[in-house]
Amino acid sequence: MSPISATEFMNRLKNGEPVNLLDVREEIEYATYNIGGKNIPLSVLPHSINQLAYNKTDEIIVICKIGLRSETARLLLNQNGYQNARNLSGGLIAIQKLHQ
């Protein structure tokens, strides 16, 4: 599945579209700044993947700070049968840049 740009992601939020958001940053990062979604750090995701409350056909947008950990998580989700996982290109930094 192709990545989603910060612009497309924010437009979807502004339009009120429901999104399944998975933030794979560490808990302290999530507590410091987040835009919502479920927080499962990449370090524990391999052991928690069966606890995800998503259907394997749902679109899941995976986010982190700059998009590297979320891309790793997206690949992990794909390997476990999640067909529509998408990485937020540029991560939260790209979203913050839109607001400057």
PDB file of N, CA and C in Angstrom:
ATOM      1  N   MET A   1       0.861  -1.182   0.000  1.00  0.00           N
ATOM      2  CA  MET A   1       0.000   0.000   0.000  1.00  0.00           C
ATOM      3  C   MET A   1       0.898   1.233   0.000  1.00  0.00           C
ATOM      4  N   SER A   2       0.534   2.210  -0.787  1.00  0.00           N
ATOM      5  CA  SER A   2       1.367   3.412  -0.887  1.00  0.00           C
ATOM      6  C   SER A   2       1.258   4.263   0.380  1.00  0.00           C
ATOM      7  N   PRO A   3       2.307   5.038   0.663  1.00  0.00           N
ATOM      8  CA  PRO A   3       2.248   5.908   1.839  1.00  0.00           C
ATOM      9  C   PRO A   3       1.190   6.991   1.660  1.00  0.00           C
ATOM     10  N   ILE A   4       0.800   7.600   2.762  1.00  0.00           N
ATOM     11  CA  ILE A   4      -0.138   8.713   2.728  1.00  0.00           C
ATOM     12  C   ILE A   4       0.639   9.977   3.075  1.00  0.00           C
ATOM     13  N   SER A   5       0.423  11.038   2.327  1.00  0.00           N
ATOM     14  CA  SER A   5       1.128  12.295   2.597  1.00  0.00           C
ATOM     15  C   SER A   5       0.471  13.008   3.774  1.00  0.00           C
ATOM     16  N   ALA A   6       1.225  13.885   4.399  1.00  0.00           N
ATOM     17  CA  ALA A   6       0.690  14.677   5.511  1.00  0.00           C
ATOM     18  C   ALA A   6      -0.500  15.508   5.040  1.00  0.00           C
ATOM     19  N   THR A   7      -0.428  16.055   3.833  1.00  0.00           N
ATOM     20  CA  THR A   7      -1.519  16.882   3.306  1.00  0.00           C
ATOM     21  C   THR A   7      -2.789  16.053   3.127  1.00  0.00           C
ATOM     22  N   GLU A   8      -2.662  14.877   2.500  1.00  0.00           N
ATOM     23  CA  GLU A   8      -3.841  14.016   2.310  1.00  0.00           C
ATOM     24  C   GLU A   8      -4.419  13.590   3.659  1.00  0.00           C
ATOM     25  N   PHE A   9      -3.543  13.233   4.584  1.00  0.00           N
ATOM     26  CA  PHE A   9      -3.985  12.802   5.903  1.00  0.00           C
ATOM     27  C   PHE A   9      -4.755  13.910   6.616  1.00  0.00           C
ATOM     28  N   MET A  10      -4.201  15.125   6.622  1.00  0.00           N
ATOM     29  CA  MET A  10      -4.862  16.237   7.312  1.00  0.00           C
ATOM     30  C   MET A  10      -6.178  16.604   6.626  1.00  0.00           C
ATOM     31  N   ASN A  11      -6.221  16.533   5.305  1.00  0.00           N
ATOM     32  CA  ASN A  11      -7.478  16.809   4.592  1.00  0.00           C
ATOM     33  C   ASN A  11      -8.548  15.803   4.987  1.00  0.00           C
ATOM     34  N   ARG A  12      -8.170  14.557   5.115  1.00  0.00           N
ATOM     35  CA  ARG A  12      -9.139  13.538   5.523  1.00  0.00           C
ATOM     36  C   ARG A  12      -9.646  13.801   6.938  1.00  0.00           C
ATOM     37  N   LEU A  13      -8.762  14.211   7.833  1.00  0.00           N
ATOM     38  CA  LEU A  13      -9.194  14.539   9.194  1.00  0.00           C
ATOM     39  C   LEU A  13     -10.136  15.742   9.193  1.00  0.00           C
ATOM     40  N   LYS A  14      -9.778  16.770   8.423  1.00  0.00           N
ATOM     41  CA  LYS A  14     -10.610  17.976   8.348  1.00  0.00           C
ATOM     42  C   LYS A  14     -11.991  17.670   7.789  1.00  0.00           C
ATOM     43  N   ASN A  15     -12.064  16.694   6.881  1.00  0.00           N
ATOM     44  CA  ASN A  15     -13.342  16.303   6.290  1.00  0.00           C
ATOM     45  C   ASN A  15     -14.141  15.366   7.191  1.00  0.00           C
ATOM     46  N   GLY A  16     -13.595  15.061   8.358  1.00  0.00           N
ATOM     47  CA  GLY A  16     -14.297  14.229   9.320  1.00  0.00           C
ATOM     48  C   GLY A  16     -14.277  12.743   9.008  1.00  0.00           C
ATOM     49  N   GLU A  17     -13.373  12.338   8.123  1.00  0.00           N
ATOM     50  CA  GLU A  17     -13.285  10.913   7.796  1.00  0.00           C
ATOM     51  C   GLU A  17     -12.705  10.158   8.992  1.00  0.00           C
ATOM     52  N   PRO A  18     -13.317   9.044   9.340  1.00  0.00           N
ATOM     53  CA  PRO A  18     -12.727   8.247  10.419  1.00  0.00           C
ATOM     54  C   PRO A  18     -11.446   7.574   9.921  1.00  0.00           C
ATOM     55  N   VAL A  19     -10.428   7.575  10.750  1.00  0.00           N
ATOM     56  CA  VAL A  19      -9.167   6.922  10.393  1.00  0.00           C
ATOM     57  C   VAL A  19      -8.732   6.017  11.540  1.00  0.00           C
ATOM     58  N   ASN A  20      -8.139   4.905  11.186  1.00  0.00           N
ATOM     59  CA  ASN A  20      -7.523   4.008  12.169  1.00  0.00           C
ATOM     60  C   ASN A  20      -6.061   4.400  12.257  1.00  0.00           C
ATOM     61  N   LEU A  21      -5.692   4.976  13.379  1.00  0.00           N
ATOM     62  CA  LEU A  21      -4.359   5.536  13.544  1.00  0.00           C
ATOM     63  C   LEU A  21      -3.577   4.706  14.562  1.00  0.00           C
ATOM     64  N   LEU A  22      -2.399   4.260  14.161  1.00  0.00           N
ATOM     65  CA  LEU A  22      -1.516   3.485  15.046  1.00  0.00           C
ATOM     66  C   LEU A  22      -0.202   4.242  15.188  1.00  0.00           C
ATOM     67  N   ASP A  23       0.051   4.745  16.386  1.00  0.00           N
ATOM     68  CA  ASP A  23       1.273   5.507  16.689  1.00  0.00           C
ATOM     69  C   ASP A  23       2.275   4.541  17.304  1.00  0.00           C
ATOM     70  N   VAL A  24       3.420   4.342  16.633  1.00  0.00           N
ATOM     71  CA  VAL A  24       4.391   3.342  17.091  1.00  0.00           C
ATOM     72  C   VAL A  24       5.587   3.956  17.820  1.00  0.00           C
ATOM     73  N   ARG A  25       5.443   5.207  18.252  1.00  0.00           N
ATOM     74  CA  ARG A  25       6.502   5.824  19.054  1.00  0.00           C
ATOM     75  C   ARG A  25       6.449   5.281  20.481  1.00  0.00           C
ATOM     76  N   GLU A  26       7.495   5.528  21.236  1.00  0.00           N
ATOM     77  CA  GLU A  26       7.535   5.111  22.632  1.00  0.00           C
ATOM     78  C   GLU A  26       6.494   5.906  23.437  1.00  0.00           C
ATOM     79  N   GLU A  27       6.067   5.336  24.569  1.00  0.00           N
ATOM     80  CA  GLU A  27       5.006   5.944  25.371  1.00  0.00           C
ATOM     81  C   GLU A  27       5.326   7.376  25.785  1.00  0.00           C
ATOM     82  N   ILE A  28       6.583   7.665  26.142  1.00  0.00           N
ATOM     83  CA  ILE A  28       6.941   9.020  26.570  1.00  0.00           C
ATOM     84  C   ILE A  28       6.793  10.012  25.418  1.00  0.00           C
ATOM     85  N   GLU A  29       7.133   9.587  24.213  1.00  0.00           N
ATOM     86  CA  GLU A  29       6.963  10.450  23.046  1.00  0.00           C
ATOM     87  C   GLU A  29       5.480  10.721  22.806  1.00  0.00           C
ATOM     88  N   TYR A  30       4.675   9.673  22.904  1.00  0.00           N
ATOM     89  CA  TYR A  30       3.236   9.792  22.699  1.00  0.00           C
ATOM     90  C   TYR A  30       2.628  10.725  23.744  1.00  0.00           C
ATOM     91  N   ALA A  31       3.066  10.579  25.003  1.00  0.00           N
ATOM     92  CA  ALA A  31       2.539  11.412  26.086  1.00  0.00           C
ATOM     93  C   ALA A  31       2.928  12.875  25.898  1.00  0.00           C
ATOM     94  N   THR A  32       4.090  13.122  25.298  1.00  0.00           N
ATOM     95  CA  THR A  32       4.567  14.488  25.099  1.00  0.00           C
ATOM     96  C   THR A  32       3.794  15.204  23.994  1.00  0.00           C
ATOM     97  N   TYR A  33       3.514  14.497  22.894  1.00  0.00           N
ATOM     98  CA  TYR A  33       2.776  15.076  21.767  1.00  0.00           C
ATOM     99  C   TYR A  33       2.152  13.947  20.960  1.00  0.00           C
ATOM    100  N   ASN A  34       0.860  14.059  20.710  1.00  0.00           N
ATOM    101  CA  ASN A  34       0.220  13.071  19.846  1.00  0.00           C
ATOM    102  C   ASN A  34      -0.994  13.684  19.168  1.00  0.00           C
ATOM    103  N   ILE A  35      -1.444  13.005  18.115  1.00  0.00           N
ATOM    104  CA  ILE A  35      -2.645  13.449  17.395  1.00  0.00           C
ATOM    105  C   ILE A  35      -3.742  12.403  17.528  1.00  0.00           C
ATOM    106  N   GLY A  36      -3.628  11.581  18.557  1.00  0.00           N
ATOM    107  CA  GLY A  36      -4.625  10.554  18.808  1.00  0.00           C
ATOM    108  C   GLY A  36      -4.182   9.209  18.283  1.00  0.00           C
ATOM    109  N   GLY A  37      -5.117   8.299  18.264  1.00  0.00           N
ATOM    110  CA  GLY A  37      -4.834   6.951  17.798  1.00  0.00           C
ATOM    111  C   GLY A  37      -4.344   6.046  18.907  1.00  0.00           C
ATOM    112  N   LYS A  38      -4.149   4.814  18.539  1.00  0.00           N
ATOM    113  CA  LYS A  38      -3.680   3.794  19.478  1.00  0.00           C
ATOM    114  C   LYS A  38      -2.154   3.847  19.530  1.00  0.00           C
ATOM    115  N   ASN A  39      -1.598   3.810  20.735  1.00  0.00           N
ATOM    116  CA  ASN A  39      -0.143   3.846  20.903  1.00  0.00           C
ATOM    117  C   ASN A  39       0.368   2.463  21.266  1.00  0.00           C
ATOM    118  N   ILE A  40       1.072   1.847  20.321  1.00  0.00           N
ATOM    119  CA  ILE A  40       1.779   0.591  20.580  1.00  0.00           C
ATOM    120  C   ILE A  40       3.195   0.790  20.054  1.00  0.00           C
ATOM    121  N   PRO A  41       4.159   0.997  20.952  1.00  0.00           N
ATOM    122  CA  PRO A  41       5.537   1.222  20.501  1.00  0.00           C
ATOM    123  C   PRO A  41       6.037   0.089  19.602  1.00  0.00           C
ATOM    124  N   LEU A  42       6.835   0.447  18.614  1.00  0.00           N
ATOM    125  CA  LEU A  42       7.382  -0.537  17.685  1.00  0.00           C
ATOM    126  C   LEU A  42       8.109  -1.646  18.429  1.00  0.00           C
ATOM    127  N   SER A  43       8.748  -1.310  19.556  1.00  0.00           N
ATOM    128  CA  SER A  43       9.507  -2.307  20.313  1.00  0.00           C
ATOM    129  C   SER A  43       8.626  -3.423  20.871  1.00  0.00           C
ATOM    130  N   VAL A  44       7.340  -3.167  21.078  1.00  0.00           N
ATOM    131  CA  VAL A  44       6.439  -4.205  21.601  1.00  0.00           C
ATOM    132  C   VAL A  44       5.421  -4.681  20.567  1.00  0.00           C
ATOM    133  N   LEU A  45       5.358  -4.032  19.418  1.00  0.00           N
ATOM    134  CA  LEU A  45       4.370  -4.397  18.400  1.00  0.00           C
ATOM    135  C   LEU A  45       4.446  -5.867  17.976  1.00  0.00           C
ATOM    136  N   PRO A  46       5.642  -6.440  17.750  1.00  0.00           N
ATOM    137  CA  PRO A  46       5.667  -7.847  17.333  1.00  0.00           C
ATOM    138  C   PRO A  46       4.976  -8.785  18.330  1.00  0.00           C
ATOM    139  N   HIS A  47       5.005  -8.427  19.613  1.00  0.00           N
ATOM    140  CA  HIS A  47       4.408  -9.262  20.651  1.00  0.00           C
ATOM    141  C   HIS A  47       2.949  -8.902  20.900  1.00  0.00           C
ATOM    142  N   SER A  48       2.492  -7.752  20.375  1.00  0.00           N
ATOM    143  CA  SER A  48       1.139  -7.256  20.632  1.00  0.00           C
ATOM    144  C   SER A  48       0.259  -7.262  19.392  1.00  0.00           C
ATOM    145  N   ILE A  49       0.788  -7.718  18.282  1.00  0.00           N
ATOM    146  CA  ILE A  49       0.084  -7.582  17.010  1.00  0.00           C
ATOM    147  C   ILE A  49      -1.262  -8.315  17.014  1.00  0.00           C
ATOM    148  N   ASN A  50      -1.372  -9.392  17.761  1.00  0.00           N
ATOM    149  CA  ASN A  50      -2.635 -10.118  17.819  1.00  0.00           C
ATOM    150  C   ASN A  50      -3.677  -9.423  18.687  1.00  0.00           C
ATOM    151  N   GLN A  51      -3.267  -8.372  19.406  1.00  0.00           N
ATOM    152  CA  GLN A  51      -4.189  -7.626  20.258  1.00  0.00           C
ATOM    153  C   GLN A  51      -4.771  -6.399  19.552  1.00  0.00           C
ATOM    154  N   LEU A  52      -4.379  -6.173  18.307  1.00  0.00           N
ATOM    155  CA  LEU A  52      -4.917  -5.031  17.574  1.00  0.00           C
ATOM    156  C   LEU A  52      -6.405  -5.224  17.358  1.00  0.00           C
ATOM    157  N   ALA A  53      -7.151  -4.150  17.530  1.00  0.00           N
ATOM    158  CA  ALA A  53      -8.608  -4.230  17.393  1.00  0.00           C
ATOM    159  C   ALA A  53      -9.056  -3.864  15.977  1.00  0.00           C
ATOM    160  N   TYR A  54      -8.213  -4.095  15.016  1.00  0.00           N
ATOM    161  CA  TYR A  54      -8.539  -3.771  13.629  1.00  0.00           C
ATOM    162  C   TYR A  54      -8.796  -5.055  12.848  1.00  0.00           C
ATOM    163  N   ASN A  55      -9.666  -4.946  11.843  1.00  0.00           N
ATOM    164  CA  ASN A  55      -9.826  -6.050  10.902  1.00  0.00           C
ATOM    165  C   ASN A  55      -8.628  -6.032   9.967  1.00  0.00           C
ATOM    166  N   LYS A  56      -8.276  -7.168   9.438  1.00  0.00           N
ATOM    167  CA  LYS A  56      -7.099  -7.242   8.564  1.00  0.00           C
ATOM    168  C   LYS A  56      -7.315  -6.557   7.224  1.00  0.00           C
ATOM    169  N   THR A  57      -8.556  -6.164   6.929  1.00  0.00           N
ATOM    170  CA  THR A  57      -8.837  -5.441   5.688  1.00  0.00           C
ATOM    171  C   THR A  57      -9.012  -3.938   5.928  1.00  0.00           C
ATOM    172  N   ASP A  58      -9.018  -3.488   7.182  1.00  0.00           N
ATOM    173  CA  ASP A  58      -9.158  -2.063   7.492  1.00  0.00           C
ATOM    174  C   ASP A  58      -7.924  -1.285   7.051  1.00  0.00           C
ATOM    175  N   GLU A  59      -8.137  -0.044   6.633  1.00  0.00           N
ATOM    176  CA  GLU A  59      -7.002   0.837   6.403  1.00  0.00           C
ATOM    177  C   GLU A  59      -6.474   1.260   7.773  1.00  0.00           C
ATOM    178  N   ILE A  60      -5.181   1.095   7.967  1.00  0.00           N
ATOM    179  CA  ILE A  60      -4.519   1.518   9.204  1.00  0.00           C
ATOM    180  C   ILE A  60      -3.404   2.467   8.807  1.00  0.00           C
ATOM    181  N   ILE A  61      -3.442   3.676   9.347  1.00  0.00           N
ATOM    182  CA  ILE A  61      -2.378   4.643   9.076  1.00  0.00           C
ATOM    183  C   ILE A  61      -1.404   4.578  10.244  1.00  0.00           C
ATOM    184  N   VAL A  62      -0.162   4.227   9.933  1.00  0.00           N
ATOM    185  CA  VAL A  62       0.864   4.039  10.950  1.00  0.00           C
ATOM    186  C   VAL A  62       1.738   5.284  10.985  1.00  0.00           C
ATOM    187  N   ILE A  63       1.949   5.821  12.200  1.00  0.00           N
ATOM    188  CA  ILE A  63       2.709   7.061  12.326  1.00  0.00           C
ATOM    189  C   ILE A  63       3.821   6.932  13.366  1.00  0.00           C
ATOM    190  N   CYS A  64       4.831   7.780  13.188  1.00  0.00           N
ATOM    191  CA  CYS A  64       5.900   7.959  14.173  1.00  0.00           C
ATOM    192  C   CYS A  64       6.421   9.389  13.978  1.00  0.00           C
ATOM    193  N   LYS A  65       7.600   9.664  14.444  1.00  0.00           N
ATOM    194  CA  LYS A  65       8.121  11.033  14.358  1.00  0.00           C
ATOM    195  C   LYS A  65       8.482  11.419  12.928  1.00  0.00           C
ATOM    196  N   ILE A  66       9.268  10.577  12.235  1.00  0.00           N
ATOM    197  CA  ILE A  66       9.702  10.967  10.884  1.00  0.00           C
ATOM    198  C   ILE A  66       9.338   9.956   9.802  1.00  0.00           C
ATOM    199  N   GLY A  67       8.728   8.832  10.193  1.00  0.00           N
ATOM    200  CA  GLY A  67       8.270   7.871   9.198  1.00  0.00           C
ATOM    201  C   GLY A  67       9.097   6.612   9.046  1.00  0.00           C
ATOM    202  N   LEU A  68      10.180   6.480   9.811  1.00  0.00           N
ATOM    203  CA  LEU A  68      11.013   5.274   9.681  1.00  0.00           C
ATOM    204  C   LEU A  68      10.465   4.109  10.501  1.00  0.00           C
ATOM    205  N   ARG A  69      10.176   4.353  11.777  1.00  0.00           N
ATOM    206  CA  ARG A  69       9.622   3.284  12.612  1.00  0.00           C
ATOM    207  C   ARG A  69       8.252   2.857  12.087  1.00  0.00           C
ATOM    208  N   SER A  70       7.476   3.836  11.607  1.00  0.00           N
ATOM    209  CA  SER A  70       6.143   3.492  11.105  1.00  0.00           C
ATOM    210  C   SER A  70       6.221   2.657   9.837  1.00  0.00           C
ATOM    211  N   GLU A  71       7.237   2.865   9.015  1.00  0.00           N
ATOM    212  CA  GLU A  71       7.408   2.023   7.822  1.00  0.00           C
ATOM    213  C   GLU A  71       7.768   0.597   8.230  1.00  0.00           C
ATOM    214  N   THR A  72       8.616   0.447   9.240  1.00  0.00           N
ATOM    215  CA  THR A  72       8.949  -0.883   9.755  1.00  0.00           C
ATOM    216  C   THR A  72       7.687  -1.553  10.297  1.00  0.00           C
ATOM    217  N   ALA A  73       6.872  -0.793  11.030  1.00  0.00           N
ATOM    218  CA  ALA A  73       5.628  -1.337  11.582  1.00  0.00           C
ATOM    219  C   ALA A  73       4.655  -1.711  10.460  1.00  0.00           C
ATOM    220  N   ARG A  74       4.604  -0.914   9.408  1.00  0.00           N
ATOM    221  CA  ARG A  74       3.724  -1.207   8.274  1.00  0.00           C
ATOM    222  C   ARG A  74       4.113  -2.549   7.642  1.00  0.00           C
ATOM    223  N   LEU A  75       5.414  -2.757   7.458  1.00  0.00           N
ATOM    224  CA  LEU A  75       5.886  -4.025   6.900  1.00  0.00           C
ATOM    225  C   LEU A  75       5.522  -5.193   7.817  1.00  0.00           C
ATOM    226  N   LEU A  76       5.654  -4.999   9.114  1.00  0.00           N
ATOM    227  CA  LEU A  76       5.303  -6.031  10.088  1.00  0.00           C
ATOM    228  C   LEU A  76       3.810  -6.358  10.020  1.00  0.00           C
ATOM    229  N   LEU A  77       2.995  -5.314   9.913  1.00  0.00           N
ATOM    230  CA  LEU A  77       1.549  -5.524   9.783  1.00  0.00           C
ATOM    231  C   LEU A  77       1.229  -6.315   8.515  1.00  0.00           C
ATOM    232  N   ASN A  78       1.867  -5.933   7.413  1.00  0.00           N
ATOM    233  CA  ASN A  78       1.657  -6.652   6.148  1.00  0.00           C
ATOM    234  C   ASN A  78       2.030  -8.123   6.284  1.00  0.00           C
ATOM    235  N   GLN A  79       3.151  -8.394   6.927  1.00  0.00           N
ATOM    236  CA  GLN A  79       3.608  -9.775   7.110  1.00  0.00           C
ATOM    237  C   GLN A  79       2.636 -10.589   7.954  1.00  0.00           C
ATOM    238  N   ASN A  80       1.827  -9.881   8.759  1.00  0.00           N
ATOM    239  CA  ASN A  80       0.857 -10.549   9.619  1.00  0.00           C
ATOM    240  C   ASN A  80      -0.566 -10.480   9.066  1.00  0.00           C
ATOM    241  N   GLY A  81      -0.670 -10.185   7.775  1.00  0.00           N
ATOM    242  CA  GLY A  81      -1.962 -10.268   7.101  1.00  0.00           C
ATOM    243  C   GLY A  81      -2.777  -9.002   7.026  1.00  0.00           C
ATOM    244  N   TYR A  82      -2.269  -7.889   7.564  1.00  0.00           N
ATOM    245  CA  TYR A  82      -2.991  -6.615   7.456  1.00  0.00           C
ATOM    246  C   TYR A  82      -2.733  -6.049   6.065  1.00  0.00           C
ATOM    247  N   GLN A  83      -3.790  -5.961   5.264  1.00  0.00           N
ATOM    248  CA  GLN A  83      -3.651  -5.686   3.840  1.00  0.00           C
ATOM    249  C   GLN A  83      -3.585  -4.202   3.478  1.00  0.00           C
ATOM    250  N   ASN A  84      -4.063  -3.323   4.366  1.00  0.00           N
ATOM    251  CA  ASN A  84      -4.175  -1.910   4.002  1.00  0.00           C
ATOM    252  C   ASN A  84      -3.473  -0.976   4.973  1.00  0.00           C
ATOM    253  N   ALA A  85      -2.324  -1.400   5.477  1.00  0.00           N
ATOM    254  CA  ALA A  85      -1.537  -0.533   6.349  1.00  0.00           C
ATOM    255  C   ALA A  85      -0.795   0.481   5.482  1.00  0.00           C
ATOM    256  N   ARG A  86      -0.843   1.751   5.914  1.00  0.00           N
ATOM    257  CA  ARG A  86      -0.173   2.820   5.166  1.00  0.00           C
ATOM    258  C   ARG A  86       0.705   3.615   6.122  1.00  0.00           C
ATOM    259  N   ASN A  87       1.865   3.997   5.632  1.00  0.00           N
ATOM    260  CA  ASN A  87       2.800   4.801   6.412  1.00  0.00           C
ATOM    261  C   ASN A  87       2.522   6.282   6.167  1.00  0.00           C
ATOM    262  N   LEU A  88       2.507   7.076   7.253  1.00  0.00           N
ATOM    263  CA  LEU A  88       2.404   8.530   7.099  1.00  0.00           C
ATOM    264  C   LEU A  88       3.771   9.046   6.678  1.00  0.00           C
ATOM    265  N   SER A  89       3.878   9.441   5.428  1.00  0.00           N
ATOM    266  CA  SER A  89       5.145   9.904   4.863  1.00  0.00           C
ATOM    267  C   SER A  89       5.646  11.150   5.598  1.00  0.00           C
ATOM    268  N   GLY A  90       6.858  11.060   6.129  1.00  0.00           N
ATOM    269  CA  GLY A  90       7.429  12.195   6.854  1.00  0.00           C
ATOM    270  C   GLY A  90       7.018  12.281   8.309  1.00  0.00           C
ATOM    271  N   GLY A  91       6.089  11.432   8.715  1.00  0.00           N
ATOM    272  CA  GLY A  91       5.674  11.357  10.108  1.00  0.00           C
ATOM    273  C   GLY A  91       5.067  12.639  10.666  1.00  0.00           C
ATOM    274  N   LEU A  92       5.100  12.738  11.983  1.00  0.00           N
ATOM    275  CA  LEU A  92       4.511  13.895  12.670  1.00  0.00           C
ATOM    276  C   LEU A  92       5.254  15.176  12.331  1.00  0.00           C
ATOM    277  N   ILE A  93       6.530  15.064  11.992  1.00  0.00           N
ATOM    278  CA  ILE A  93       7.291  16.258  11.597  1.00  0.00           C
ATOM    279  C   ILE A  93       6.640  16.891  10.358  1.00  0.00           C
ATOM    280  N   ALA A  94       6.220  16.062   9.401  1.00  0.00           N
ATOM    281  CA  ALA A  94       5.586  16.574   8.184  1.00  0.00           C
ATOM    282  C   ALA A  94       4.264  17.275   8.512  1.00  0.00           C
ATOM    283  N   ILE A  95       3.518  16.745   9.473  1.00  0.00           N
ATOM    284  CA  ILE A  95       2.274  17.400   9.887  1.00  0.00           C
ATOM    285  C   ILE A  95       2.561  18.737  10.553  1.00  0.00           C
ATOM    286  N   GLN A  96       3.574  18.751  11.427  1.00  0.00           N
ATOM    287  CA  GLN A  96       3.917  20.006  12.111  1.00  0.00           C
ATOM    288  C   GLN A  96       4.367  21.062  11.106  1.00  0.00           C
ATOM    289  N   LYS A  97       5.060  20.664  10.044  1.00  0.00           N
ATOM    290  CA  LYS A  97       5.498  21.611   9.032  1.00  0.00           C
ATOM    291  C   LYS A  97       4.336  22.250   8.299  1.00  0.00           C
ATOM    292  N   LEU A  98       3.221  21.510   8.162  1.00  0.00           N
ATOM    293  CA  LEU A  98       2.039  22.068   7.507  1.00  0.00           C
ATOM    294  C   LEU A  98       1.456  23.241   8.300  1.00  0.00           C
ATOM    295  N   HIS A  99       1.670  23.239   9.605  1.00  0.00           N
ATOM    296  CA  HIS A  99       1.093  24.257  10.475  1.00  0.00           C
ATOM    297  C   HIS A  99       2.001  25.451  10.704  1.00  0.00           C
ATOM    298  N   GLN A 100       3.153  25.468  10.029  1.00  0.00           N
ATOM    299  CA  GLN A 100       4.092  26.583  10.217  1.00  0.00           C
ATOM    300  C   GLN A 100       3.740  27.737   9.306  1.00  0.00           C
TER     301      GLN A 100
END
